[in-house]
Amino acid sequence: MTTANINTTMLTWARERTGIDVSDFARKCGVSVDKLSEWESGRRPLTFKQALTYAEKAHIPFGYLFLVQPPVEELPIPDLRTVEGQANRKLSLELLDLIKLMQQRQEWYKDYLQQQLVGPNAIVGRFSVNDGVNAIVQDMRNALGVGNHPQRGSWEDYYRDLVNRIESIGILVMRQSDVGHYTRPLRVDEFRGFALADNYAPIIFVNHADALGARLFTLIHELCHIWIGQSGISDASTQTHREEEILCNAVAAEFLVPATEFQAMWRQDVENWQANLPVLEAHFHVSTWALARRALTLNLITLDEYQRYISNQQASYRSREDSGGPSYYRTKKAQISQRFSRAVVSEALSGQLLLREASQLLGGIKPDKITTFAKELGI
């Protein structure tokens, strides 16, 4: 068998980059830990097939194994998170792969729109970081056709409705909790969402590994990034000092829970501040997570009270029981922008796009199953 003349020092880098335990990685490669160690130390050569498998399991291009030293990996979009020392912060493979996929989708959709002679999206960058919160919020409401809050339905209904309205004005909304498989989960402590501003194909991504109640705030926070024409990855921290993040937090808060109305309904005479939440939730149709955050920003509760409440909410979300969930294709329909999905599937079915390319853009739906997905989309 032909030996792969690779740089074996790249093997250890590639494995450690995944964050997968040595024994688990050996199992993924179908070899013993001892054999894996021999590969990485250079004592035992790899065949091309073994090297290809190693690269696949490490989620790196095969060519990386021939490099003299590891590439320097940086976020391809502005890092707006609040963690100190961000420049030296280790980035998860999942986050890097996710952003790369979203950028590929954006480039494809931009080309598609230009071929259809569609002009630039007037929403992107129509305001700046120097504009006022109320002006941006009012412009968002006008563009989306929504009032201060819905009159009926749950906050989950409100979330779905806002996603559809955002898509209707040409902004793609992507939502998922992992990168292709549950074994590659997205981490909430790493990011909550990001925005890819573009004059033709703006994209919002919401990390669905986050608790349900936090997603609505992230959606509007990232929408504000599109409104001011700025790409970036966010954690939506209440303690950020970045000008653009402070603005987007304030816009999301005012959009979801107008301050004047909220303050008029808040009761200071209750024994426990949380007693306010059921009434406020029924009125504003947003999650108690968003309401607690609004109470914090208006100095109605302390940071300690807010953090304890959110910690309990996160613990409750993590311990939820899995009820089975929707079908694979319905899940894909919810994860990937329907505007984008319809464009890709239509081009594939008409022969304008290769099925294998459509499969890659749609996050791994098998080429021969694209017609099944088309039925789910109503095409």
Protein backbone atom coordinates (compact mmCIF):
# COMPACT_ATOMS: atom_id res chain seq x y z
CA MET A 1 0.00 0.00 0.00
CA THR A 2 1.13 3.56 -0.79
CA THR A 3 2.44 5.48 2.19
CA ALA A 4 1.25 9.04 2.70
CA ASN A 5 4.31 11.27 3.04
CA ILE A 6 2.67 13.62 5.52
CA ASN A 7 4.07 15.78 8.31
CA THR A 8 3.21 13.64 11.34
CA THR A 9 3.43 16.60 13.71
CA MET A 10 0.26 17.88 12.03
CA LEU A 11 -1.60 14.79 13.23
CA THR A 12 -1.41 15.70 16.90
CA TRP A 13 -2.34 19.32 16.13
CA ALA A 14 -5.36 18.20 14.10
CA ARG A 15 -6.60 15.83 16.82
CA GLU A 16 -6.10 18.28 19.69
CA ARG A 17 -7.86 20.95 17.65
CA THR A 18 -11.04 18.86 17.70
CA GLY A 19 -11.07 18.65 21.50
CA ILE A 20 -11.85 14.93 21.23
CA ASP A 21 -10.29 12.54 23.77
CA VAL A 22 -7.45 10.33 22.45
CA SER A 23 -9.35 7.07 22.98
CA ASP A 24 -12.49 8.48 21.34
CA PHE A 25 -10.51 9.77 18.38
CA ALA A 26 -8.78 6.39 17.96
CA ARG A 27 -12.18 4.72 17.93
CA LYS A 28 -13.42 7.14 15.26
CA CYS A 29 -10.40 6.17 13.12
CA GLY A 30 -11.05 2.47 13.76
CA VAL A 31 -7.66 1.83 15.40
CA SER A 32 -6.25 1.24 18.86
CA VAL A 33 -4.83 4.03 21.02
CA ASP A 34 -1.39 2.45 20.64
CA LYS A 35 -1.60 2.53 16.85
CA LEU A 36 -2.81 6.13 16.92
CA SER A 37 0.19 7.03 19.11
CA GLU A 38 2.54 5.31 16.66
CA TRP A 39 1.06 7.33 13.80
CA GLU A 40 1.42 10.62 15.66
CA SER A 41 4.97 9.88 16.82
CA GLY A 42 6.04 8.91 13.29
CA ARG A 43 6.94 5.37 14.32
CA ARG A 44 4.33 3.88 12.01
CA PRO A 45 3.55 5.39 8.57
CA LEU A 46 -0.02 5.94 7.38
CA THR A 47 -1.41 4.82 4.07
CA PHE A 48 -3.22 7.41 1.97
CA LYS A 49 -6.52 5.87 2.97
CA GLN A 50 -5.65 6.06 6.68
CA ALA A 51 -4.46 9.66 6.33
CA LEU A 52 -7.66 10.59 4.49
CA THR A 53 -9.72 9.01 7.29
CA TYR A 54 -7.68 10.85 9.92
CA ALA A 55 -8.25 14.20 8.17
CA GLU A 56 -11.96 13.47 7.78
CA LYS A 57 -12.39 12.62 11.48
CA ALA A 58 -10.39 15.73 12.45
CA HIS A 59 -12.57 17.88 10.14
CA ILE A 60 -9.63 19.40 8.27
CA PRO A 61 -8.70 19.54 4.57
CA PHE A 62 -6.44 16.59 3.67
CA GLY A 63 -3.78 19.00 2.44
CA TYR A 64 -3.30 20.34 5.97
CA LEU A 65 -1.43 17.14 6.86
CA PHE A 66 1.37 18.13 4.47
CA LEU A 67 1.95 21.59 5.96
CA VAL A 68 5.22 22.42 7.72
CA GLN A 69 3.36 24.03 10.62
CA PRO A 70 -0.30 24.56 11.62
CA PRO A 71 -2.12 27.47 9.98
CA VAL A 72 -3.04 30.47 12.10
CA GLU A 73 -6.80 30.33 12.53
CA GLU A 74 -8.71 33.53 13.19
CA LEU A 75 -12.35 34.48 13.14
CA PRO A 76 -13.21 35.68 9.63
CA ILE A 77 -15.65 38.26 11.05
CA PRO A 78 -15.27 40.90 13.79
CA ASP A 79 -15.23 39.45 17.32
CA LEU A 80 -17.59 41.55 19.44
CA ARG A 81 -17.66 39.28 22.47
CA THR A 82 -16.76 40.52 25.93
CA VAL A 83 -14.23 37.91 27.11
CA GLU A 84 -10.87 39.43 27.93
CA GLY A 85 -7.90 38.49 25.75
CA GLN A 86 -10.09 37.56 22.79
CA ALA A 87 -7.22 37.63 20.34
CA ASN A 88 -5.62 34.65 22.06
CA ARG A 89 -8.86 32.84 22.78
CA LYS A 90 -9.05 29.31 21.42
CA LEU A 91 -11.78 29.01 18.82
CA SER A 92 -13.83 25.85 18.57
CA LEU A 93 -13.68 23.92 15.33
CA GLU A 94 -17.46 23.94 15.26
CA LEU A 95 -17.65 27.73 15.27
CA LEU A 96 -15.05 28.10 12.53
CA ASP A 97 -16.74 25.49 10.34
CA LEU A 98 -20.15 27.04 10.95
CA ILE A 99 -19.07 30.54 9.91
CA LYS A 100 -17.36 29.08 6.84
CA LEU A 101 -20.60 27.31 5.84
CA MET A 102 -22.66 30.48 6.36
CA GLN A 103 -20.23 32.46 4.23
CA GLN A 104 -20.46 29.86 1.47
CA ARG A 105 -24.25 30.11 1.58
CA GLN A 106 -24.05 33.88 1.49
CA GLU A 107 -21.77 33.90 -1.55
CA TRP A 108 -23.97 31.44 -3.42
CA TYR A 109 -27.18 33.33 -2.64
CA LYS A 110 -25.62 36.65 -3.57
CA ASP A 111 -24.62 35.26 -6.98
CA TYR A 112 -28.10 33.76 -7.36
CA LEU A 113 -29.82 37.10 -6.68
CA GLN A 114 -27.56 38.96 -9.09
CA GLN A 115 -28.32 36.40 -11.79
CA GLN A 116 -32.01 37.05 -11.12
CA LEU A 117 -31.29 40.80 -11.56
CA VAL A 118 -32.34 41.52 -7.96
CA GLY A 119 -30.91 44.80 -6.64
CA PRO A 120 -29.18 45.47 -3.30
CA ASN A 121 -31.13 45.23 -0.04
CA ALA A 122 -31.91 48.76 1.14
CA ILE A 123 -32.18 47.63 4.78
CA VAL A 124 -28.48 46.85 5.20
CA GLY A 125 -26.60 49.74 6.77
CA ARG A 126 -29.46 52.24 6.54
CA PHE A 127 -28.55 53.36 10.08
CA SER A 128 -25.24 53.65 11.93
CA VAL A 129 -23.92 53.07 15.42
CA ASN A 130 -24.32 56.80 16.03
CA ASP A 131 -28.09 56.79 15.48
CA GLY A 132 -30.57 56.69 18.34
CA VAL A 133 -32.16 53.54 19.72
CA ASN A 134 -35.75 54.73 19.26
CA ALA A 135 -35.18 55.73 15.62
CA ILE A 136 -33.76 52.30 14.78
CA VAL A 137 -36.51 50.47 16.66
CA GLN A 138 -39.24 52.45 14.90
CA ASP A 139 -37.67 51.83 11.50
CA MET A 140 -37.47 48.11 12.26
CA ARG A 141 -41.12 48.04 13.28
CA ASN A 142 -42.16 49.86 10.10
CA ALA A 143 -40.12 47.53 7.87
CA LEU A 144 -41.40 44.37 9.59
CA GLY A 145 -44.97 45.60 10.00
CA VAL A 146 -45.20 44.90 13.74
CA GLY A 147 -46.49 46.89 16.69
CA ASN A 148 -44.99 47.28 20.15
CA HIS A 149 -45.90 43.68 20.95
CA PRO A 150 -48.31 41.00 19.69
CA GLN A 151 -51.88 40.92 20.98
CA ARG A 152 -52.17 37.16 21.17
CA GLY A 153 -50.12 33.98 20.97
CA SER A 154 -47.09 32.79 22.92
CA TRP A 155 -43.59 34.21 22.70
CA GLU A 156 -42.62 31.09 20.72
CA ASP A 157 -45.27 32.11 18.15
CA TYR A 158 -43.86 35.64 18.20
CA TYR A 159 -40.36 34.30 17.54
CA ARG A 160 -41.51 32.26 14.53
CA ASP A 161 -43.55 35.19 13.21
CA LEU A 162 -40.58 37.57 13.49
CA VAL A 163 -38.32 35.09 11.68
CA ASN A 164 -40.81 34.94 8.80
CA ARG A 165 -41.13 38.73 8.69
CA ILE A 166 -37.35 39.20 8.72
CA GLU A 167 -37.03 36.72 5.86
CA SER A 168 -39.75 38.57 3.94
CA ILE A 169 -37.51 41.67 3.74
CA GLY A 170 -34.62 39.69 2.28
CA ILE A 171 -32.61 38.85 5.40
CA LEU A 172 -31.73 35.15 5.72
CA VAL A 173 -32.22 33.62 9.18
CA MET A 174 -30.26 30.47 10.05
CA ARG A 175 -30.76 28.56 13.31
CA GLN A 176 -29.19 25.37 14.61
CA SER A 177 -27.62 23.85 17.70
CA ASP A 178 -24.82 21.80 16.14
CA VAL A 179 -22.71 21.49 13.01
CA GLY A 180 -24.34 18.67 11.10
CA HIS A 181 -24.54 16.20 13.99
CA TYR A 182 -25.24 16.18 17.71
CA THR A 183 -21.64 15.08 18.33
CA ARG A 184 -20.53 18.54 17.15
CA PRO A 185 -22.60 20.86 19.36
CA LEU A 186 -22.35 24.63 19.35
CA ARG A 187 -21.36 26.16 22.67
CA VAL A 188 -23.44 28.96 24.18
CA ASP A 189 -20.51 30.07 26.32
CA GLU A 190 -18.63 30.73 23.07
CA PHE A 191 -21.31 32.72 21.22
CA ARG A 192 -25.06 33.35 21.04
CA GLY A 193 -25.31 34.54 17.47
CA PHE A 194 -23.66 36.42 14.64
CA ALA A 195 -24.51 38.63 11.69
CA LEU A 196 -23.00 38.63 8.20
CA ALA A 197 -23.86 41.99 6.69
CA ASP A 198 -23.97 42.10 2.89
CA ASN A 199 -25.78 44.41 0.50
CA TYR A 200 -27.41 41.48 -1.28
CA ALA A 201 -27.49 38.50 1.08
CA PRO A 202 -27.42 39.54 4.76
CA ILE A 203 -27.49 36.59 7.18
CA ILE A 204 -28.48 36.31 10.84
CA PHE A 205 -27.45 33.19 12.78
CA VAL A 206 -29.04 32.27 16.13
CA ASN A 207 -27.38 29.61 18.27
CA HIS A 208 -30.19 27.17 19.10
CA ALA A 209 -28.06 25.43 21.68
CA ASP A 210 -29.08 28.39 23.82
CA ALA A 211 -32.12 28.25 26.08
CA LEU A 212 -35.40 28.89 24.28
CA GLY A 213 -36.07 32.17 26.04
CA ALA A 214 -32.75 33.72 25.00
CA ARG A 215 -33.18 33.18 21.27
CA LEU A 216 -35.70 35.96 20.70
CA PHE A 217 -33.34 38.58 22.14
CA THR A 218 -30.45 37.24 20.04
CA LEU A 219 -32.59 37.39 16.89
CA ILE A 220 -33.33 41.11 17.31
CA HIS A 221 -29.80 41.88 18.52
CA GLU A 222 -28.36 40.41 15.31
CA LEU A 223 -31.05 42.12 13.25
CA CYS A 224 -29.77 45.43 14.59
CA HIS A 225 -26.31 44.50 13.31
CA ILE A 226 -27.79 44.18 9.82
CA TRP A 227 -29.57 47.52 10.25
CA ILE A 228 -26.26 49.25 11.04
CA GLY A 229 -24.44 47.24 8.34
CA GLN A 230 -21.92 45.59 10.63
CA SER A 231 -20.90 41.93 10.67
CA GLY A 232 -19.78 40.37 13.92
CA ILE A 233 -20.10 37.54 16.41
CA SER A 234 -21.85 38.34 19.69
CA ASP A 235 -22.51 36.97 23.14
CA ALA A 236 -25.12 39.69 23.89
CA SER A 237 -23.49 40.27 27.27
CA THR A 238 -25.11 42.75 29.64
CA GLN A 239 -21.62 43.88 30.66
CA THR A 240 -20.18 44.72 27.25
CA HIS A 241 -18.26 47.97 26.73
CA ARG A 242 -18.30 47.84 22.93
CA GLU A 243 -20.30 50.69 21.41
CA GLU A 244 -22.01 48.58 18.75
CA GLU A 245 -22.94 45.85 21.22
CA ILE A 246 -24.39 48.34 23.68
CA LEU A 247 -26.51 49.76 20.85
CA CYS A 248 -27.73 46.37 19.60
CA ASN A 249 -28.56 45.28 23.16
CA ALA A 250 -30.53 48.47 23.72
CA VAL A 251 -32.38 48.13 20.41
CA ALA A 252 -33.32 44.51 21.12
CA ALA A 253 -34.54 45.43 24.60
CA GLU A 254 -36.66 48.37 23.42
CA PHE A 255 -38.01 46.47 20.41
CA LEU A 256 -39.18 43.52 22.53
CA VAL A 257 -40.15 45.35 25.72
CA PRO A 258 -40.71 49.13 25.43
CA ALA A 259 -39.29 50.76 28.56
CA THR A 260 -42.14 53.16 29.37
CA GLU A 261 -44.79 50.46 29.18
CA PHE A 262 -42.68 47.98 31.13
CA GLN A 263 -41.93 50.39 33.96
CA ALA A 264 -45.62 51.31 34.28
CA MET A 265 -46.50 47.64 34.82
CA TRP A 266 -43.63 46.72 37.15
CA ARG A 267 -44.61 46.34 40.80
CA GLN A 268 -42.01 47.08 43.44
CA ASP A 269 -44.34 46.08 46.29
CA VAL A 270 -44.20 42.33 45.58
CA GLU A 271 -42.24 40.12 47.96
CA ASN A 272 -40.25 38.49 45.13
CA TRP A 273 -39.48 40.41 41.93
CA GLN A 274 -40.15 37.25 39.89
CA ALA A 275 -43.85 37.55 40.75
CA ASN A 276 -43.96 40.27 38.07
CA LEU A 277 -42.99 37.89 35.30
CA PRO A 278 -46.24 35.96 34.55
CA VAL A 279 -48.27 39.15 34.02
CA LEU A 280 -45.53 40.77 31.96
CA GLU A 281 -45.05 37.62 29.86
CA ALA A 282 -48.76 37.51 29.04
CA HIS A 283 -48.70 41.19 28.06
CA PHE A 284 -45.49 41.47 26.04
CA HIS A 285 -45.42 37.90 24.65
CA VAL A 286 -41.68 37.54 25.19
CA SER A 287 -39.82 35.05 27.38
CA THR A 288 -39.25 35.61 31.09
CA TRP A 289 -35.54 35.57 30.17
CA ALA A 290 -36.02 38.72 28.07
CA LEU A 291 -38.18 40.30 30.79
CA ALA A 292 -35.55 39.66 33.48
CA ARG A 293 -32.93 41.23 31.23
CA ARG A 294 -35.15 44.28 30.70
CA ALA A 295 -35.64 44.63 34.46
CA LEU A 296 -31.85 44.58 34.86
CA THR A 297 -31.20 47.24 32.21
CA LEU A 298 -33.81 49.49 33.84
CA ASN A 299 -32.18 48.96 37.27
CA LEU A 300 -35.24 47.24 38.70
CA ILE A 301 -33.23 44.20 39.79
CA THR A 302 -29.56 43.69 40.59
CA LEU A 303 -27.00 41.94 38.39
CA ASP A 304 -26.76 39.19 41.02
CA GLU A 305 -30.53 38.60 40.94
CA TYR A 306 -30.50 38.50 37.16
CA GLN A 307 -27.56 36.09 36.94
CA ARG A 308 -29.09 33.71 39.50
CA TYR A 309 -32.37 33.67 37.57
CA ILE A 310 -30.68 33.06 34.21
CA SER A 311 -28.53 30.31 35.72
CA ASN A 312 -31.67 28.52 36.90
CA GLN A 313 -33.24 28.97 33.47
CA GLN A 314 -30.20 27.47 31.76
CA ALA A 315 -30.11 24.52 34.16
CA SER A 316 -33.80 23.87 33.53
CA TYR A 317 -33.25 23.96 29.76
CA ARG A 318 -30.30 21.53 29.93
CA SER A 319 -32.28 19.04 32.02
CA ARG A 320 -35.33 19.05 29.73
CA GLU A 321 -36.51 15.70 28.46
CA ASP A 322 -36.16 14.85 24.79
CA SER A 323 -39.66 14.29 23.47
CA GLY A 324 -38.52 12.88 20.13
CA GLY A 325 -38.68 16.07 18.11
CA PRO A 326 -39.71 16.73 14.51
CA SER A 327 -38.64 14.76 11.44
CA TYR A 328 -35.22 15.22 9.85
CA TYR A 329 -36.58 17.25 6.94
CA ARG A 330 -38.80 19.42 9.13
CA THR A 331 -35.77 20.11 11.32
CA LYS A 332 -33.74 21.14 8.26
CA LYS A 333 -36.60 23.37 7.17
CA ALA A 334 -36.52 25.12 10.55
CA GLN A 335 -32.72 25.39 10.66
CA ILE A 336 -32.03 26.78 7.20
CA SER A 337 -33.54 29.99 5.88
CA GLN A 338 -36.59 29.00 3.83
CA ARG A 339 -35.86 31.75 1.33
CA PHE A 340 -32.39 30.28 0.84
CA SER A 341 -33.60 26.64 0.84
CA ARG A 342 -36.23 27.30 -1.80
CA ALA A 343 -33.68 28.98 -4.05
CA VAL A 344 -31.17 26.11 -3.73
CA VAL A 345 -33.76 23.35 -4.19
CA SER A 346 -35.42 25.07 -7.15
CA GLU A 347 -32.07 25.53 -8.90
CA ALA A 348 -31.16 21.89 -8.23
CA LEU A 349 -34.47 20.52 -9.51
CA SER A 350 -34.25 22.64 -12.66
CA GLY A 351 -30.73 21.38 -13.38
CA GLN A 352 -29.08 24.76 -12.84
CA LEU A 353 -27.20 23.47 -9.77
CA LEU A 354 -25.53 20.10 -9.30
CA LEU A 355 -27.27 17.92 -6.72
CA ARG A 356 -24.02 17.37 -4.82
CA GLU A 357 -23.47 21.13 -4.60
CA ALA A 358 -27.03 21.59 -3.38
CA SER A 359 -26.41 18.86 -0.82
CA GLN A 360 -23.39 20.70 0.56
CA LEU A 361 -25.22 24.04 0.72
CA LEU A 362 -28.14 22.42 2.52
CA GLY A 363 -25.97 20.99 5.26
CA GLY A 364 -25.62 17.42 4.09
CA ILE A 365 -29.08 16.44 2.83
CA LYS A 366 -28.31 13.50 0.53
CA PRO A 367 -28.49 14.39 -3.18
CA ASP A 368 -31.15 11.76 -3.85
CA LYS A 369 -33.29 13.14 -0.99
CA ILE A 370 -33.49 16.72 -2.23
CA THR A 371 -36.83 15.97 -3.89
CA THR A 372 -38.11 14.80 -0.48
CA PHE A 373 -36.94 18.05 1.07
CA ALA A 374 -38.64 19.94 -1.77
CA LYS A 375 -41.97 18.43 -0.70
CA GLU A 376 -41.38 19.59 2.88
CA LEU A 377 -40.79 23.11 1.50
CA GLY A 378 -43.95 22.89 -0.58
CA ILE A 379 -42.11 23.05 -3.90
